Protein backbone atom coordinates (compact mmCIF):
# COMPACT_ATOMS: atom_id res chain seq x y z
CA ASN A 1 23.11 -155.54 298.62
CA MET A 2 25.45 -154.70 295.76
CA TYR A 3 23.48 -151.61 294.86
CA ARG A 4 23.31 -150.37 298.45
CA ARG A 5 27.02 -151.00 298.90
CA ILE A 6 27.84 -149.00 295.77
CA GLN A 7 25.57 -146.17 296.84
CA GLN A 8 27.23 -146.05 300.25
CA CYS A 9 30.67 -146.09 298.69
CA GLU A 10 29.75 -143.18 296.38
CA ALA A 11 28.42 -141.20 299.37
CA ASP A 12 31.55 -141.89 301.42
CA CYS A 13 33.84 -140.93 298.54
CA GLU A 14 32.13 -137.56 298.18
CA LYS A 15 33.43 -136.68 301.65
CA LEU A 16 37.02 -137.45 300.69
CA PRO A 17 39.49 -135.87 298.28
CA ALA A 18 40.45 -137.91 295.25
CA GLY A 19 43.32 -140.19 296.12
CA PRO A 20 44.36 -143.37 297.95
CA GLU A 21 41.53 -143.25 300.50
CA GLN A 22 38.87 -143.19 297.79
CA ASP A 23 40.68 -145.95 295.90
CA GLU A 24 40.76 -148.13 299.00
CA LEU A 25 37.02 -147.62 299.61
CA TRP A 26 36.24 -148.72 296.06
CA ARG A 27 38.55 -151.72 296.29
CA GLU A 28 36.77 -152.91 299.42
CA CYS A 29 33.35 -152.27 297.85
CA HIS A 30 34.29 -154.30 294.78
CA ARG A 31 35.80 -157.04 296.93
CA GLN A 32 32.61 -157.45 298.96
CA ASN A 33 30.45 -157.37 295.83
CA ALA A 34 32.67 -159.96 294.15
CA VAL A 35 32.35 -162.27 297.17
CA GLY A 36 28.56 -161.87 296.99
CA MET A 37 28.52 -162.72 293.28
CA ARG A 38 30.71 -165.77 293.84
CA GLU A 39 28.54 -167.06 296.71
CA HIS A 40 25.34 -166.55 294.66
CA ALA A 41 26.85 -168.41 291.69
CA GLU A 42 27.81 -171.32 293.93
CA GLN A 43 24.24 -171.52 295.25
CA ALA A 44 22.49 -171.06 291.88
CA LYS A 45 24.92 -173.32 289.97
CA GLY A 46 24.21 -173.94 286.26
CA LEU A 47 25.02 -171.04 283.98
CA PHE A 48 25.86 -168.78 286.92
CA ILE A 49 28.97 -170.89 287.57
CA LYS A 50 29.83 -170.73 283.87
CA ALA A 51 29.22 -166.97 283.80
CA GLY A 52 31.42 -166.45 286.84
CA GLN A 53 34.19 -168.48 285.23
CA PHE A 54 33.88 -166.40 282.08
CA LEU A 55 33.92 -163.11 284.00
CA SER A 56 37.04 -164.20 285.89
CA SER A 57 38.86 -164.22 282.56
CA LEU A 58 37.98 -160.59 281.75
CA VAL A 59 41.16 -159.19 283.29
CA GLY A 60 41.21 -155.45 282.70
CA ALA A 61 37.55 -155.26 281.69
CA LEU A 62 36.33 -155.44 285.31
CA PRO A 63 37.96 -154.31 288.55
CA ASP A 64 40.63 -156.81 289.62
CA GLU A 65 38.67 -157.80 292.72
CA TYR A 66 36.07 -159.57 290.54
CA SER A 67 38.61 -161.52 288.49
CA ARG A 68 40.45 -162.72 291.59
CA GLU A 69 37.34 -163.76 293.52
CA LEU A 70 35.47 -165.41 290.64
CA LEU A 71 38.54 -167.40 289.62
CA SER A 72 37.75 -169.87 292.42
CA LEU A 73 34.60 -170.92 290.51
CA THR A 74 36.80 -172.93 288.15
CA ASP A 75 37.01 -175.47 290.98
CA HIS A 76 33.21 -175.80 291.24
CA LEU A 77 32.35 -178.08 288.34
CA PRO A 78 29.24 -180.30 288.29
CA ILE A 79 29.57 -184.08 288.16
CA SER A 80 26.65 -186.24 286.99
CA THR A 81 26.08 -189.62 288.61
CA LEU A 82 26.80 -192.77 286.63
CA GLU A 83 23.06 -193.49 286.53
CA GLU A 84 22.41 -190.10 284.91
CA VAL A 85 25.22 -190.68 282.43
CA PHE A 86 23.86 -194.11 281.45
CA ARG A 87 20.34 -192.69 280.97
CA THR A 88 21.71 -190.06 278.59
CA ILE A 89 23.76 -192.63 276.64
CA GLN A 90 20.77 -194.97 276.24
CA LYS A 91 18.55 -192.10 275.11
CA ASP A 92 21.10 -190.92 272.54
CA VAL A 93 22.32 -194.21 271.01
CA HIS A 94 19.14 -196.25 271.69
CA ARG A 95 21.12 -199.08 273.26
CA PRO A 96 21.85 -200.03 276.88
CA PRO A 97 25.38 -198.91 277.81
CA LYS A 98 26.29 -202.47 278.85
CA GLU A 99 25.77 -203.58 275.25
CA VAL A 100 28.11 -200.86 274.00
CA PHE A 101 30.90 -200.90 276.58
CA SER A 102 32.73 -203.78 278.23
CA SER A 103 34.01 -201.42 280.93
CA PHE A 104 33.12 -197.88 281.92
CA GLU A 105 34.92 -195.93 284.63
CA ARG A 106 32.52 -194.61 287.25
CA LEU A 107 34.37 -191.34 287.93
CA PRO A 108 34.85 -188.87 285.04
CA ILE A 109 38.37 -187.98 283.97
CA ALA A 110 37.16 -184.43 283.28
CA SER A 111 34.04 -182.38 283.92
CA ALA A 112 32.78 -178.93 282.93
CA SER A 113 29.55 -176.97 283.09
CA ILE A 114 27.99 -178.68 280.05
CA ALA A 115 29.43 -182.19 279.94
CA GLN A 116 31.84 -184.68 281.44
CA VAL A 117 34.17 -187.32 280.00
CA HIS A 118 34.58 -190.97 281.04
CA LYS A 119 37.17 -193.53 280.03
CA ALA A 120 35.64 -196.73 278.67
CA LYS A 121 36.29 -199.80 276.47
CA LEU A 122 34.09 -200.79 273.54
CA ARG A 123 32.53 -204.22 273.77
CA GLY A 124 33.86 -206.61 271.13
CA THR A 125 37.03 -204.68 270.29
CA SER A 126 38.25 -203.54 273.73
CA GLN A 127 39.19 -200.24 272.11
CA VAL A 128 39.78 -197.55 274.73
CA VAL A 129 37.56 -194.54 274.12
CA ALA A 130 36.71 -191.23 275.75
CA VAL A 131 32.95 -190.88 276.20
CA LYS A 132 31.71 -187.29 276.40
CA VAL A 133 28.20 -186.99 277.86
CA GLN A 134 26.14 -183.88 278.50
CA HIS A 135 24.78 -183.41 281.99
CA GLU A 136 21.16 -184.52 282.05
CA GLY A 137 18.79 -181.61 281.35
CA VAL A 138 21.65 -179.11 281.06
CA ASP A 139 20.28 -177.60 277.83
CA ARG A 140 17.00 -176.56 279.46
CA VAL A 141 18.67 -175.29 282.63
CA LEU A 142 21.35 -173.21 280.89
CA LEU A 143 18.95 -171.64 278.40
CA GLU A 144 16.66 -170.62 281.25
CA ASP A 145 19.61 -169.35 283.27
CA VAL A 146 20.92 -167.16 280.47
CA ARG A 147 17.63 -165.25 280.39
CA THR A 148 17.81 -164.70 284.13
CA LEU A 149 21.46 -163.69 283.91
CA SER A 150 20.66 -161.17 281.19
CA THR A 151 18.15 -159.47 283.49
CA VAL A 152 20.64 -159.45 286.38
CA ALA A 153 23.40 -158.02 284.17
CA GLY A 154 21.13 -155.22 282.98
CA ARG A 155 20.27 -154.21 286.53
CA VAL A 156 23.88 -154.34 287.71
CA ALA A 157 24.94 -152.16 284.77
CA TYR A 158 22.22 -149.66 285.67
CA TRP A 159 23.37 -149.51 289.30
CA ALA A 160 27.10 -149.57 288.60
CA PRO A 161 28.19 -148.73 285.04
CA ASP A 162 31.82 -149.58 285.86
CA ILE A 163 30.93 -153.28 286.32
CA ASP A 164 28.80 -153.61 283.19
CA PHE A 165 29.00 -157.19 281.90
CA THR A 166 25.89 -157.13 279.67
CA LYS A 167 28.03 -157.54 276.54
CA ALA A 168 29.64 -160.65 277.99
CA VAL A 169 26.21 -162.13 278.74
CA GLU A 170 25.03 -161.34 275.20
CA GLU A 171 28.05 -163.17 273.79
CA MET A 172 27.36 -166.14 276.05
CA ALA A 173 23.72 -166.22 274.94
CA GLU A 174 24.80 -166.32 271.30
CA ALA A 175 27.41 -169.02 271.84
CA LEU A 176 25.43 -171.28 274.18
CA PRO A 177 23.24 -173.06 271.57
CA PHE A 178 26.38 -173.99 269.61
CA GLU A 179 28.14 -175.25 272.75
CA LEU A 180 25.12 -177.42 273.59
CA ASP A 181 24.98 -178.90 270.08
CA PHE A 182 27.66 -181.60 269.93
CA ARG A 183 27.14 -181.85 266.16
CA GLU A 184 28.93 -178.50 265.92
CA GLU A 185 31.79 -179.89 267.98
CA ARG A 186 31.99 -183.02 265.82
CA ARG A 187 32.19 -180.92 262.66
CA ALA A 188 34.92 -178.78 264.24
CA VAL A 189 36.92 -181.88 265.20
CA ASP A 190 36.56 -183.29 261.68
CA ARG A 191 37.71 -180.00 260.12
CA ALA A 192 40.67 -179.75 262.48
CA GLY A 193 41.69 -183.33 261.67
CA ARG A 194 41.59 -182.73 257.92
CA VAL A 195 43.62 -179.51 258.15
CA ILE A 196 46.23 -181.03 260.47
CA ARG A 197 46.65 -184.18 258.34
CA LYS A 198 46.94 -182.10 255.17
CA ALA A 199 49.67 -180.04 256.80
CA GLY A 200 51.59 -183.20 257.72
CA ASN A 201 51.39 -182.34 261.40
CA ARG A 202 51.69 -185.27 263.81
CA THR A 203 49.26 -183.81 266.34
CA ILE A 204 46.67 -186.42 267.37
CA VAL A 205 43.05 -185.36 266.84
CA PRO A 206 40.26 -187.49 268.37
CA ARG A 207 38.14 -189.45 265.89
CA VAL A 208 34.41 -189.34 266.56
CA ASP A 209 32.59 -192.68 266.27
CA LYS A 210 29.52 -191.63 264.32
CA LYS A 211 27.69 -194.86 265.23
CA LEU A 212 27.87 -193.91 268.89
CA PHE A 213 27.14 -190.23 268.45
CA GLY A 214 23.90 -188.86 269.83
CA PRO A 215 22.03 -185.71 268.82
């Protein structure tokens, strides 16, 4: 549909002199294509939501119609069930969650395309902690999706060079394995903490409990 719409827009513009009428035709073409991309992302979920969110931030790199329409995808964030969260915790720390936590809030306080965060209390100390848990199976799904998205981006760029987002997809493909590896995040948090403390800054940096850290 996107390709046919662009072809039709090009044909219609050839009949008009350069100016406001042509601009309006292209704005409407981009608006309809952006709506189609947003609807497909909502249906496909996974990395397509993440890609749409990323593309919405490329103000100036894509026609404005795409940034405006895809911005709504920031409201479409996945939420894993508590059962899925507990399965992941048990698999990662090799202990039933009830042995680790005295309380665990059912609803996450934050959620994104890769993981979500729950407020909980550690059993024995009652220390309040933030528990960040990847969505079950998200690594497999996102890595498969990025290959599909790369193919889609290549075809869109071929049909419409002015909405080429192949470079953005390449950058996502490079960054994704690091985003999925929480060991990288832990190292980044540790580095940030050391630098901030050395500078005498009073900013609070979360401390990762290495005994309750999964792979």
